[in-house]
Amino acid sequence: MSENRENSAFYTARPQIAIDGEINSGLGLGLLALEVRETRDGLASCEATFTNWGPIGRSLDFLYFRRDILDFGKNITIRLGELPNDKLVFNGRIMALEAVFPQAGSPALCVLADD
């Protein structure tokens, strides 16, 4: 049975996340929650939460507080699927960063973006 990928309704569920045009596999793997909203006026917003604790060099530390990867004004693009048939879910600018410290769990960083 041959598989026709171009007409398939199935695609990879793990999003590809690019910051300023560069795919960051760590963000894709560390994604905890993603919500994209679009209004009737065509304005879209995105709320993405990433784990913010992990290995840096030889120690464990916050991954994104240094703002070298995630920072205000940087472009964030989210796609689903694999090239060349991937689907653009969101493309916009980072407008806010929110630290999340749950009682039971690792620290996280919530990224708020608008198109």
PDB file of N, CA and C in Angstrom:
ATOM      1  N   MET A   1       0.848  -1.171   0.000  1.00  0.00           N
ATOM      2  CA  MET A   1       0.000   0.000   0.000  1.00  0.00           C
ATOM      3  C   MET A   1       0.897   1.238   0.000  1.00  0.00           C
ATOM      4  N   SER A   2       0.736   2.080  -0.997  1.00  0.00           N
ATOM      5  CA  SER A   2       1.560   3.279  -1.063  1.00  0.00           C
ATOM      6  C   SER A   2       0.944   4.390  -0.232  1.00  0.00           C
ATOM      7  N   GLU A   3       1.815   5.246   0.241  1.00  0.00           N
ATOM      8  CA  GLU A   3       1.373   6.336   1.110  1.00  0.00           C
ATOM      9  C   GLU A   3       1.515   7.653   0.350  1.00  0.00           C
ATOM     10  N   ASN A   4       0.436   8.422   0.267  1.00  0.00           N
ATOM     11  CA  ASN A   4       0.460   9.710  -0.408  1.00  0.00           C
ATOM     12  C   ASN A   4       0.518  10.806   0.648  1.00  0.00           C
ATOM     13  N   ARG A   5       1.736  11.304   0.926  1.00  0.00           N
ATOM     14  CA  ARG A   5       1.917  12.293   1.995  1.00  0.00           C
ATOM     15  C   ARG A   5       1.304  13.645   1.657  1.00  0.00           C
ATOM     16  N   GLU A   6       1.254  14.004   0.362  1.00  0.00           N
ATOM     17  CA  GLU A   6       0.756  15.318  -0.013  1.00  0.00           C
ATOM     18  C   GLU A   6      -0.719  15.500   0.318  1.00  0.00           C
ATOM     19  N   ASN A   7      -1.503  14.445   0.258  1.00  0.00           N
ATOM     20  CA  ASN A   7      -2.927  14.538   0.517  1.00  0.00           C
ATOM     21  C   ASN A   7      -3.315  14.005   1.888  1.00  0.00           C
ATOM     22  N   SER A   8      -2.345  13.695   2.706  1.00  0.00           N
ATOM     23  CA  SER A   8      -2.615  13.123   4.016  1.00  0.00           C
ATOM     24  C   SER A   8      -3.121  14.187   4.986  1.00  0.00           C
ATOM     25  N   ALA A   9      -4.077  13.802   5.810  1.00  0.00           N
ATOM     26  CA  ALA A   9      -4.589  14.700   6.846  1.00  0.00           C
ATOM     27  C   ALA A   9      -3.774  14.561   8.122  1.00  0.00           C
ATOM     28  N   PHE A  10      -2.795  13.669   8.132  1.00  0.00           N
ATOM     29  CA  PHE A  10      -1.979  13.436   9.317  1.00  0.00           C
ATOM     30  C   PHE A  10      -0.657  14.181   9.193  1.00  0.00           C
ATOM     31  N   TYR A  11      -0.163  14.696  10.303  1.00  0.00           N
ATOM     32  CA  TYR A  11       1.100  15.406  10.324  1.00  0.00           C
ATOM     33  C   TYR A  11       1.711  15.287  11.704  1.00  0.00           C
ATOM     34  N   THR A  12       2.984  15.618  11.801  1.00  0.00           N
ATOM     35  CA  THR A  12       3.693  15.563  13.071  1.00  0.00           C
ATOM     36  C   THR A  12       3.078  16.554  14.052  1.00  0.00           C
ATOM     37  N   ALA A  13       2.760  16.091  15.255  1.00  0.00           N
ATOM     38  CA  ALA A  13       2.107  16.950  16.231  1.00  0.00           C
ATOM     39  C   ALA A  13       3.092  17.844  16.978  1.00  0.00           C
ATOM     40  N   ARG A  14       4.369  17.483  17.022  1.00  0.00           N
ATOM     41  CA  ARG A  14       5.355  18.295  17.728  1.00  0.00           C
ATOM     42  C   ARG A  14       5.703  19.506  16.856  1.00  0.00           C
ATOM     43  N   PRO A  15       5.388  20.711  17.313  1.00  0.00           N
ATOM     44  CA  PRO A  15       5.640  21.906  16.500  1.00  0.00           C
ATOM     45  C   PRO A  15       7.122  22.174  16.290  1.00  0.00           C
ATOM     46  N   GLN A  16       7.426  22.793  15.161  1.00  0.00           N
ATOM     47  CA  GLN A  16       8.751  23.338  14.913  1.00  0.00           C
ATOM     48  C   GLN A  16       8.688  24.814  15.281  1.00  0.00           C
ATOM     49  N   ILE A  17       9.595  25.251  16.127  1.00  0.00           N
ATOM     50  CA  ILE A  17       9.587  26.639  16.585  1.00  0.00           C
ATOM     51  C   ILE A  17      10.875  27.303  16.133  1.00  0.00           C
ATOM     52  N   ALA A  18      10.711  28.428  15.443  1.00  0.00           N
ATOM     53  CA  ALA A  18      11.867  29.192  14.968  1.00  0.00           C
ATOM     54  C   ALA A  18      11.862  30.564  15.623  1.00  0.00           C
ATOM     55  N   ILE A  19      13.035  31.006  16.028  1.00  0.00           N
ATOM     56  CA  ILE A  19      13.222  32.348  16.579  1.00  0.00           C
ATOM     57  C   ILE A  19      14.099  33.116  15.603  1.00  0.00           C
ATOM     58  N   ASP A  20      13.582  34.238  15.120  1.00  0.00           N
ATOM     59  CA  ASP A  20      14.269  35.040  14.102  1.00  0.00           C
ATOM     60  C   ASP A  20      14.728  34.184  12.925  1.00  0.00           C
ATOM     61  N   GLY A  21      13.859  33.256  12.499  1.00  0.00           N
ATOM     62  CA  GLY A  21      14.116  32.448  11.315  1.00  0.00           C
ATOM     63  C   GLY A  21      14.941  31.200  11.530  1.00  0.00           C
ATOM     64  N   GLU A  22      15.434  30.958  12.740  1.00  0.00           N
ATOM     65  CA  GLU A  22      16.269  29.803  13.021  1.00  0.00           C
ATOM     66  C   GLU A  22      15.511  28.796  13.884  1.00  0.00           C
ATOM     67  N   ILE A  23      15.328  27.578  13.366  1.00  0.00           N
ATOM     68  CA  ILE A  23      14.613  26.540  14.116  1.00  0.00           C
ATOM     69  C   ILE A  23      15.403  26.200  15.373  1.00  0.00           C
ATOM     70  N   ASN A  24      14.695  26.160  16.515  1.00  0.00           N
ATOM     71  CA  ASN A  24      15.304  25.838  17.804  1.00  0.00           C
ATOM     72  C   ASN A  24      14.671  24.542  18.301  1.00  0.00           C
ATOM     73  N   SER A  25      15.376  23.432  18.137  1.00  0.00           N
ATOM     74  CA  SER A  25      14.817  22.133  18.508  1.00  0.00           C
ATOM     75  C   SER A  25      14.585  22.025  20.016  1.00  0.00           C
ATOM     76  N   GLY A  26      15.388  22.715  20.819  1.00  0.00           N
ATOM     77  CA  GLY A  26      15.199  22.698  22.271  1.00  0.00           C
ATOM     78  C   GLY A  26      13.856  23.286  22.674  1.00  0.00           C
ATOM     79  N   LEU A  27      13.439  24.356  22.007  1.00  0.00           N
ATOM     80  CA  LEU A  27      12.122  24.934  22.298  1.00  0.00           C
ATOM     81  C   LEU A  27      11.011  23.972  21.908  1.00  0.00           C
ATOM     82  N   GLY A  28      11.151  23.324  20.766  1.00  0.00           N
ATOM     83  CA  GLY A  28      10.135  22.360  20.333  1.00  0.00           C
ATOM     84  C   GLY A  28       9.997  21.204  21.308  1.00  0.00           C
ATOM     85  N   LEU A  29      11.111  20.699  21.804  1.00  0.00           N
ATOM     86  CA  LEU A  29      11.080  19.588  22.753  1.00  0.00           C
ATOM     87  C   LEU A  29      10.614  20.018  24.133  1.00  0.00           C
ATOM     88  N   GLY A  30      10.887  21.277  24.499  1.00  0.00           N
ATOM     89  CA  GLY A  30      10.528  21.769  25.823  1.00  0.00           C
ATOM     90  C   GLY A  30       9.168  22.443  25.896  1.00  0.00           C
ATOM     91  N   LEU A  31       8.399  22.384  24.813  1.00  0.00           N
ATOM     92  CA  LEU A  31       7.076  23.012  24.798  1.00  0.00           C
ATOM     93  C   LEU A  31       6.126  22.280  25.732  1.00  0.00           C
ATOM     94  N   LEU A  32       5.548  23.003  26.682  1.00  0.00           N
ATOM     95  CA  LEU A  32       4.594  22.423  27.633  1.00  0.00           C
ATOM     96  C   LEU A  32       3.151  22.712  27.244  1.00  0.00           C
ATOM     97  N   ALA A  33       2.907  23.907  26.705  1.00  0.00           N
ATOM     98  CA  ALA A  33       1.534  24.301  26.325  1.00  0.00           C
ATOM     99  C   ALA A  33       1.622  25.316  25.188  1.00  0.00           C
ATOM    100  N   LEU A  34       0.629  25.265  24.302  1.00  0.00           N
ATOM    101  CA  LEU A  34       0.581  26.188  23.178  1.00  0.00           C
ATOM    102  C   LEU A  34      -0.866  26.548  22.903  1.00  0.00           C
ATOM    103  N   GLU A  35      -1.133  27.849  22.823  1.00  0.00           N
ATOM    104  CA  GLU A  35      -2.474  28.326  22.484  1.00  0.00           C
ATOM    105  C   GLU A  35      -2.323  29.467  21.487  1.00  0.00           C
ATOM    106  N   VAL A  36      -2.961  29.313  20.331  1.00  0.00           N
ATOM    107  CA  VAL A  36      -2.963  30.342  19.297  1.00  0.00           C
ATOM    108  C   VAL A  36      -4.405  30.766  19.091  1.00  0.00           C
ATOM    109  N   ARG A  37      -4.640  32.077  19.122  1.00  0.00           N
ATOM    110  CA  ARG A  37      -5.993  32.615  18.950  1.00  0.00           C
ATOM    111  C   ARG A  37      -6.000  33.585  17.781  1.00  0.00           C
ATOM    112  N   GLU A  38      -7.100  33.573  17.025  1.00  0.00           N
ATOM    113  CA  GLU A  38      -7.274  34.533  15.937  1.00  0.00           C
ATOM    114  C   GLU A  38      -8.665  35.134  16.045  1.00  0.00           C
ATOM    115  N   THR A  39      -8.742  36.453  15.954  1.00  0.00           N
ATOM    116  CA  THR A  39     -10.023  37.140  16.065  1.00  0.00           C
ATOM    117  C   THR A  39     -10.699  37.220  14.696  1.00  0.00           C
ATOM    118  N   ARG A  40     -11.939  37.638  14.690  1.00  0.00           N
ATOM    119  CA  ARG A  40     -12.655  37.846  13.433  1.00  0.00           C
ATOM    120  C   ARG A  40     -11.999  38.921  12.587  1.00  0.00           C
ATOM    121  N   ASP A  41     -11.275  39.830  13.234  1.00  0.00           N
ATOM    122  CA  ASP A  41     -10.593  40.905  12.516  1.00  0.00           C
ATOM    123  C   ASP A  41      -9.281  40.439  11.886  1.00  0.00           C
ATOM    124  N   GLY A  42      -8.896  39.189  12.136  1.00  0.00           N
ATOM    125  CA  GLY A  42      -7.677  38.644  11.555  1.00  0.00           C
ATOM    126  C   GLY A  42      -6.439  38.813  12.413  1.00  0.00           C
ATOM    127  N   LEU A  43      -6.589  39.379  13.613  1.00  0.00           N
ATOM    128  CA  LEU A  43      -5.443  39.533  14.512  1.00  0.00           C
ATOM    129  C   LEU A  43      -5.209  38.222  15.263  1.00  0.00           C
ATOM    130  N   ALA A  44      -3.958  37.816  15.341  1.00  0.00           N
ATOM    131  CA  ALA A  44      -3.637  36.556  16.007  1.00  0.00           C
ATOM    132  C   ALA A  44      -2.697  36.812  17.181  1.00  0.00           C
ATOM    133  N   SER A  45      -2.831  35.957  18.198  1.00  0.00           N
ATOM    134  CA  SER A  45      -1.923  36.005  19.337  1.00  0.00           C
ATOM    135  C   SER A  45      -1.544  34.579  19.713  1.00  0.00           C
ATOM    136  N   CYS A  46      -0.417  34.466  20.387  1.00  0.00           N
ATOM    137  CA  CYS A  46       0.106  33.150  20.737  1.00  0.00           C
ATOM    138  C   CYS A  46       0.589  33.179  22.181  1.00  0.00           C
ATOM    139  N   GLU A  47       0.307  32.111  22.890  1.00  0.00           N
ATOM    140  CA  GLU A  47       0.819  31.913  24.238  1.00  0.00           C
ATOM    141  C   GLU A  47       1.492  30.545  24.267  1.00  0.00           C
ATOM    142  N   ALA A  48       2.801  30.530  24.430  1.00  0.00           N
ATOM    143  CA  ALA A  48       3.566  29.282  24.440  1.00  0.00           C
ATOM    144  C   ALA A  48       4.349  29.189  25.736  1.00  0.00           C
ATOM    145  N   THR A  49       4.244  28.054  26.413  1.00  0.00           N
ATOM    146  CA  THR A  49       4.942  27.847  27.677  1.00  0.00           C
ATOM    147  C   THR A  49       5.999  26.761  27.490  1.00  0.00           C
ATOM    148  N   PHE A  50       7.228  27.090  27.899  1.00  0.00           N
ATOM    149  CA  PHE A  50       8.361  26.189  27.741  1.00  0.00           C
ATOM    150  C   PHE A  50       8.964  25.871  29.101  1.00  0.00           C
ATOM    151  N   THR A  51       9.487  24.655  29.250  1.00  0.00           N
ATOM    152  CA  THR A  51      10.238  24.344  30.452  1.00  0.00           C
ATOM    153  C   THR A  51      11.457  25.259  30.493  1.00  0.00           C
ATOM    154  N   ASN A  52      11.794  25.752  31.677  1.00  0.00           N
ATOM    155  CA  ASN A  52      12.877  26.727  31.798  1.00  0.00           C
ATOM    156  C   ASN A  52      13.961  26.246  32.755  1.00  0.00           C
ATOM    157  N   TRP A  53      14.149  24.936  32.826  1.00  0.00           N
ATOM    158  CA  TRP A  53      15.165  24.387  33.714  1.00  0.00           C
ATOM    159  C   TRP A  53      15.829  23.220  33.012  1.00  0.00           C
ATOM    160  N   GLY A  54      17.147  23.246  32.955  1.00  0.00           N
ATOM    161  CA  GLY A  54      17.848  22.154  32.293  1.00  0.00           C
ATOM    162  C   GLY A  54      19.342  22.374  32.282  1.00  0.00           C
ATOM    163  N   PRO A  55      20.041  21.491  31.568  1.00  0.00           N
ATOM    164  CA  PRO A  55      21.502  21.561  31.562  1.00  0.00           C
ATOM    165  C   PRO A  55      22.024  22.724  30.717  1.00  0.00           C
ATOM    166  N   ILE A  56      22.949  23.475  31.319  1.00  0.00           N
ATOM    167  CA  ILE A  56      23.719  24.496  30.610  1.00  0.00           C
ATOM    168  C   ILE A  56      25.172  24.248  30.979  1.00  0.00           C
ATOM    169  N   GLY A  57      25.929  23.825  30.012  1.00  0.00           N
ATOM    170  CA  GLY A  57      27.310  23.432  30.312  1.00  0.00           C
ATOM    171  C   GLY A  57      27.315  22.206  31.204  1.00  0.00           C
ATOM    172  N   ARG A  58      27.967  22.322  32.347  1.00  0.00           N
ATOM    173  CA  ARG A  58      28.065  21.178  33.275  1.00  0.00           C
ATOM    174  C   ARG A  58      27.152  21.323  34.490  1.00  0.00           C
ATOM    175  N   SER A  59      26.236  22.268  34.449  1.00  0.00           N
ATOM    176  CA  SER A  59      25.345  22.451  35.594  1.00  0.00           C
ATOM    177  C   SER A  59      23.898  22.614  35.126  1.00  0.00           C
ATOM    178  N   LEU A  60      22.991  22.597  36.072  1.00  0.00           N
ATOM    179  CA  LEU A  60      21.579  22.846  35.803  1.00  0.00           C
ATOM    180  C   LEU A  60      21.276  24.298  36.124  1.00  0.00           C
ATOM    181  N   ASP A  61      20.493  24.937  35.258  1.00  0.00           N
ATOM    182  CA  ASP A  61      20.198  26.352  35.448  1.00  0.00           C
ATOM    183  C   ASP A  61      18.947  26.711  34.650  1.00  0.00           C
ATOM    184  N   PHE A  62      18.534  27.970  34.763  1.00  0.00           N
ATOM    185  CA  PHE A  62      17.431  28.469  33.950  1.00  0.00           C
ATOM    186  C   PHE A  62      17.902  28.548  32.499  1.00  0.00           C
ATOM    187  N   LEU A  63      17.064  28.108  31.580  1.00  0.00           N
ATOM    188  CA  LEU A  63      17.453  28.027  30.179  1.00  0.00           C
ATOM    189  C   LEU A  63      17.275  29.338  29.418  1.00  0.00           C
ATOM    190  N   TYR A  64      16.246  30.123  29.772  1.00  0.00           N
ATOM    191  CA  TYR A  64      15.877  31.252  28.913  1.00  0.00           C
ATOM    192  C   TYR A  64      15.863  32.610  29.600  1.00  0.00           C
ATOM    193  N   PHE A  65      16.276  32.711  30.844  1.00  0.00           N
ATOM    194  CA  PHE A  65      16.281  34.009  31.516  1.00  0.00           C
ATOM    195  C   PHE A  65      17.378  34.941  30.991  1.00  0.00           C
ATOM    196  N   ARG A  66      18.406  34.405  30.331  1.00  0.00           N
ATOM    197  CA  ARG A  66      19.493  35.242  29.827  1.00  0.00           C
ATOM    198  C   ARG A  66      19.047  36.066  28.616  1.00  0.00           C
ATOM    199  N   ARG A  67      17.930  35.703  28.013  1.00  0.00           N
ATOM    200  CA  ARG A  67      17.313  36.412  26.891  1.00  0.00           C
ATOM    201  C   ARG A  67      18.149  36.386  25.622  1.00  0.00           C
ATOM    202  N   ASP A  68      19.089  35.443  25.520  1.00  0.00           N
ATOM    203  CA  ASP A  68      19.829  35.301  24.277  1.00  0.00           C
ATOM    204  C   ASP A  68      19.009  34.555  23.223  1.00  0.00           C
ATOM    205  N   ILE A  69      18.053  33.746  23.654  1.00  0.00           N
ATOM    206  CA  ILE A  69      17.191  33.013  22.720  1.00  0.00           C
ATOM    207  C   ILE A  69      15.825  33.680  22.638  1.00  0.00           C
ATOM    208  N   LEU A  70      15.163  33.822  23.758  1.00  0.00           N
ATOM    209  CA  LEU A  70      13.832  34.443  23.803  1.00  0.00           C
ATOM    210  C   LEU A  70      13.952  35.842  24.373  1.00  0.00           C
ATOM    211  N   ASP A  71      13.509  36.837  23.596  1.00  0.00           N
ATOM    212  CA  ASP A  71      13.594  38.214  24.058  1.00  0.00           C
ATOM    213  C   ASP A  71      12.510  39.043  23.376  1.00  0.00           C
ATOM    214  N   PHE A  72      12.199  40.170  23.951  1.00  0.00           N
ATOM    215  CA  PHE A  72      11.184  41.068  23.421  1.00  0.00           C
ATOM    216  C   PHE A  72      11.530  41.476  21.988  1.00  0.00           C
ATOM    217  N   GLY A  73      10.519  41.468  21.114  1.00  0.00           N
ATOM    218  CA  GLY A  73      10.692  41.919  19.746  1.00  0.00           C
ATOM    219  C   GLY A  73      11.210  40.880  18.775  1.00  0.00           C
ATOM    220  N   LYS A  74      11.709  39.752  19.278  1.00  0.00           N
ATOM    221  CA  LYS A  74      12.182  38.716  18.360  1.00  0.00           C
ATOM    222  C   LYS A  74      10.985  38.072  17.664  1.00  0.00           C
ATOM    223  N   ASN A  75      11.212  37.624  16.432  1.00  0.00           N
ATOM    224  CA  ASN A  75      10.170  36.958  15.659  1.00  0.00           C
ATOM    225  C   ASN A  75      10.072  35.500  16.089  1.00  0.00           C
ATOM    226  N   ILE A  76       8.848  35.015  16.291  1.00  0.00           N
ATOM    227  CA  ILE A  76       8.617  33.614  16.614  1.00  0.00           C
ATOM    228  C   ILE A  76       7.672  33.024  15.569  1.00  0.00           C
ATOM    229  N   THR A  77       8.070  31.880  15.005  1.00  0.00           N
ATOM    230  CA  THR A  77       7.282  31.191  14.000  1.00  0.00           C
ATOM    231  C   THR A  77       7.027  29.771  14.491  1.00  0.00           C
ATOM    232  N   ILE A  78       5.775  29.333  14.369  1.00  0.00           N
ATOM    233  CA  ILE A  78       5.410  27.981  14.792  1.00  0.00           C
ATOM    234  C   ILE A  78       4.778  27.265  13.602  1.00  0.00           C
ATOM    235  N   ARG A  79       5.306  26.083  13.292  1.00  0.00           N
ATOM    236  CA  ARG A  79       4.816  25.280  12.176  1.00  0.00           C
ATOM    237  C   ARG A  79       4.536  23.859  12.659  1.00  0.00           C
ATOM    238  N   LEU A  80       3.585  23.200  12.010  1.00  0.00           N
ATOM    239  CA  LEU A  80       3.282  21.792  12.274  1.00  0.00           C
ATOM    240  C   LEU A  80       3.590  20.995  11.017  1.00  0.00           C
ATOM    241  N   GLY A  81       4.089  19.805  11.196  1.00  0.00           N
ATOM    242  CA  GLY A  81       4.360  18.931  10.063  1.00  0.00           C
ATOM    243  C   GLY A  81       5.806  18.988   9.630  1.00  0.00           C
ATOM    244  N   GLU A  82       6.065  18.332   8.512  1.00  0.00           N
ATOM    245  CA  GLU A  82       7.417  18.235   7.986  1.00  0.00           C
ATOM    246  C   GLU A  82       7.475  18.896   6.625  1.00  0.00           C
ATOM    247  N   LEU A  83       8.633  19.458   6.303  1.00  0.00           N
ATOM    248  CA  LEU A  83       8.828  20.069   4.995  1.00  0.00           C
ATOM    249  C   LEU A  83       8.611  19.036   3.907  1.00  0.00           C
ATOM    250  N   PRO A  84       8.091  19.324   2.767  1.00  0.00           N
ATOM    251  CA  PRO A  84       7.695  20.649   2.302  1.00  0.00           C
ATOM    252  C   PRO A  84       6.219  20.951   2.546  1.00  0.00           C
ATOM    253  N   ASN A  85       5.514  20.067   3.241  1.00  0.00           N
ATOM    254  CA  ASN A  85       4.068  20.228   3.421  1.00  0.00           C
ATOM    255  C   ASN A  85       3.689  20.712   4.811  1.00  0.00           C
ATOM    256  N   ASP A  86       4.605  21.401   5.488  1.00  0.00           N
ATOM    257  CA  ASP A  86       4.297  21.864   6.836  1.00  0.00           C
ATOM    258  C   ASP A  86       3.265  22.984   6.789  1.00  0.00           C
ATOM    259  N   LYS A  87       2.610  23.193   7.906  1.00  0.00           N
ATOM    260  CA  LYS A  87       1.541  24.190   8.016  1.00  0.00           C
ATOM    261  C   LYS A  87       1.964  25.294   8.976  1.00  0.00           C
ATOM    262  N   LEU A  88       1.896  26.538   8.527  1.00  0.00           N
ATOM    263  CA  LEU A  88       2.195  27.676   9.384  1.00  0.00           C
ATOM    264  C   LEU A  88       1.046  27.862  10.367  1.00  0.00           C
ATOM    265  N   VAL A  89       1.352  27.855  11.658  1.00  0.00           N
ATOM    266  CA  VAL A  89       0.351  28.034  12.699  1.00  0.00           C
ATOM    267  C   VAL A  89       0.370  29.469  13.209  1.00  0.00           C
ATOM    268  N   PHE A  90       1.580  30.024  13.371  1.00  0.00           N
ATOM    269  CA  PHE A  90       1.687  31.383  13.897  1.00  0.00           C
ATOM    270  C   PHE A  90       3.001  32.005  13.457  1.00  0.00           C
ATOM    271  N   ASN A  91       2.962  33.308  13.186  1.00  0.00           N
ATOM    272  CA  ASN A  91       4.160  34.091  12.899  1.00  0.00           C
ATOM    273  C   ASN A  91       3.951  35.479  13.494  1.00  0.00           C
ATOM    274  N   GLY A  92       4.790  35.869  14.440  1.00  0.00           N
ATOM    275  CA  GLY A  92       4.621  37.175  15.078  1.00  0.00           C
ATOM    276  C   GLY A  92       5.833  37.556  15.905  1.00  0.00           C
ATOM    277  N   ARG A  93       5.663  38.571  16.726  1.00  0.00           N
ATOM    278  CA  ARG A  93       6.740  39.110  17.559  1.00  0.00           C
ATOM    279  C   ARG A  93       6.470  38.840  19.043  1.00  0.00           C
ATOM    280  N   ILE A  94       7.535  38.546  19.779  1.00  0.00           N
ATOM    281  CA  ILE A  94       7.424  38.328  21.216  1.00  0.00           C
ATOM    282  C   ILE A  94       7.155  39.670  21.888  1.00  0.00           C
ATOM    283  N   MET A  95       6.047  39.737  22.619  1.00  0.00           N
ATOM    284  CA  MET A  95       5.642  40.977  23.274  1.00  0.00           C
ATOM    285  C   MET A  95       5.828  40.933  24.792  1.00  0.00           C
ATOM    286  N   ALA A  96       5.824  39.727  25.379  1.00  0.00           N
ATOM    287  CA  ALA A  96       5.953  39.612  26.832  1.00  0.00           C
ATOM    288  C   ALA A  96       6.548  38.254  27.186  1.00  0.00           C
ATOM    289  N   LEU A  97       7.257  38.220  28.307  1.00  0.00           N
ATOM    290  CA  LEU A  97       7.816  36.994  28.875  1.00  0.00           C
ATOM    291  C   LEU A  97       7.353  36.907  30.324  1.00  0.00           C
ATOM    292  N   GLU A  98       6.856  35.749  30.708  1.00  0.00           N
ATOM    293  CA  GLU A  98       6.308  35.584  32.055  1.00  0.00           C
ATOM    294  C   GLU A  98       6.899  34.339  32.705  1.00  0.00           C
ATOM    295  N   ALA A  99       7.573  34.521  33.836  1.00  0.00           N
ATOM    296  CA  ALA A  99       8.130  33.394  34.577  1.00  0.00           C
ATOM    297  C   ALA A  99       7.004  32.657  35.290  1.00  0.00           C
ATOM    298  N   VAL A 100       7.098  31.324  35.289  1.00  0.00           N
ATOM    299  CA  VAL A 100       6.096  30.480  35.946  1.00  0.00           C
ATOM    300  C   VAL A 100       6.849  29.550  36.894  1.00  0.00           C
ATOM    301  N   PHE A 101       6.455  29.590  38.173  1.00  0.00           N
ATOM    302  CA  PHE A 101       7.081  28.749  39.189  1.00  0.00           C
ATOM    303  C   PHE A 101       6.002  27.912  39.874  1.00  0.00           C
ATOM    304  N   PRO A 102       5.619  26.769  39.288  1.00  0.00           N
ATOM    305  CA  PRO A 102       4.567  25.944  39.885  1.00  0.00           C
ATOM    306  C   PRO A 102       5.051  25.293  41.180  1.00  0.00           C
ATOM    307  N   GLN A 103       4.098  25.028  42.072  1.00  0.00           N
ATOM    308  CA  GLN A 103       4.451  24.387  43.342  1.00  0.00           C
ATOM    309  C   GLN A 103       5.022  22.998  43.120  1.00  0.00           C
ATOM    310  N   ALA A 104       4.443  22.262  42.201  1.00  0.00           N
ATOM    311  CA  ALA A 104       4.908  20.904  41.925  1.00  0.00           C
ATOM    312  C   ALA A 104       5.347  20.827  40.468  1.00  0.00           C
ATOM    313  N   GLY A 105       6.610  21.101  40.216  1.00  0.00           N
ATOM    314  CA  GLY A 105       7.106  21.021  38.852  1.00  0.00           C
ATOM    315  C   GLY A 105       8.277  21.950  38.626  1.00  0.00           C
ATOM    316  N   SER A 106       8.821  21.856  37.443  1.00  0.00           N
ATOM    317  CA  SER A 106       9.971  22.667  37.076  1.00  0.00           C
ATOM    318  C   SER A 106       9.553  24.075  36.681  1.00  0.00           C
ATOM    319  N   PRO A 107      10.456  25.038  36.818  1.00  0.00           N
ATOM    320  CA  PRO A 107      10.165  26.394  36.364  1.00  0.00           C
ATOM    321  C   PRO A 107       9.883  26.411  34.869  1.00  0.00           C
ATOM    322  N   ALA A 108       9.057  27.347  34.459  1.00  0.00           N
ATOM    323  CA  ALA A 108       8.689  27.473  33.052  1.00  0.00           C
ATOM    324  C   ALA A 108       8.723  28.940  32.658  1.00  0.00           C
ATOM    325  N   LEU A 109       8.707  29.176  31.357  1.00  0.00           N
ATOM    326  CA  LEU A 109       8.648  30.538  30.829  1.00  0.00           C
ATOM    327  C   LEU A 109       7.527  30.595  29.817  1.00  0.00           C
ATOM    328  N   CYS A 110       6.624  31.537  30.016  1.00  0.00           N
ATOM    329  CA  CYS A 110       5.492  31.733  29.119  1.00  0.00           C
ATOM    330  C   CYS A 110       5.832  32.888  28.171  1.00  0.00           C
ATOM    331  N   VAL A 111       5.722  32.635  26.881  1.00  0.00           N
ATOM    332  CA  VAL A 111       5.998  33.629  25.851  1.00  0.00           C
ATOM    333  C   VAL A 111       4.667  34.087  25.274  1.00  0.00           C
ATOM    334  N   LEU A 112       4.424  35.395  25.271  1.00  0.00           N
ATOM    335  CA  LEU A 112       3.221  35.959  24.682  1.00  0.00           C
ATOM    336  C   LEU A 112       3.639  36.723  23.440  1.00  0.00           C
ATOM    337  N   ALA A 113       2.976  36.426  22.308  1.00  0.00           N
ATOM    338  CA  ALA A 113       3.359  37.050  21.041  1.00  0.00           C
ATOM    339  C   ALA A 113       2.104  37.485  20.270  1.00  0.00           C
ATOM    340  N   ASP A 114       2.275  38.528  19.470  1.00  0.00           N
ATOM    341  CA  ASP A 114       1.215  39.031  18.597  1.00  0.00           C
ATOM    342  C   ASP A 114       1.728  39.062  17.173  1.00  0.00           C
ATOM    343  N   ASP A 115       0.779  38.910  16.222  1.00  0.00           N
ATOM    344  CA  ASP A 115       1.212  38.977  14.822  1.00  0.00           C
ATOM    345  C   ASP A 115       1.259  40.403  14.320  1.00  0.00           C
TER     346      ASP A 115
END
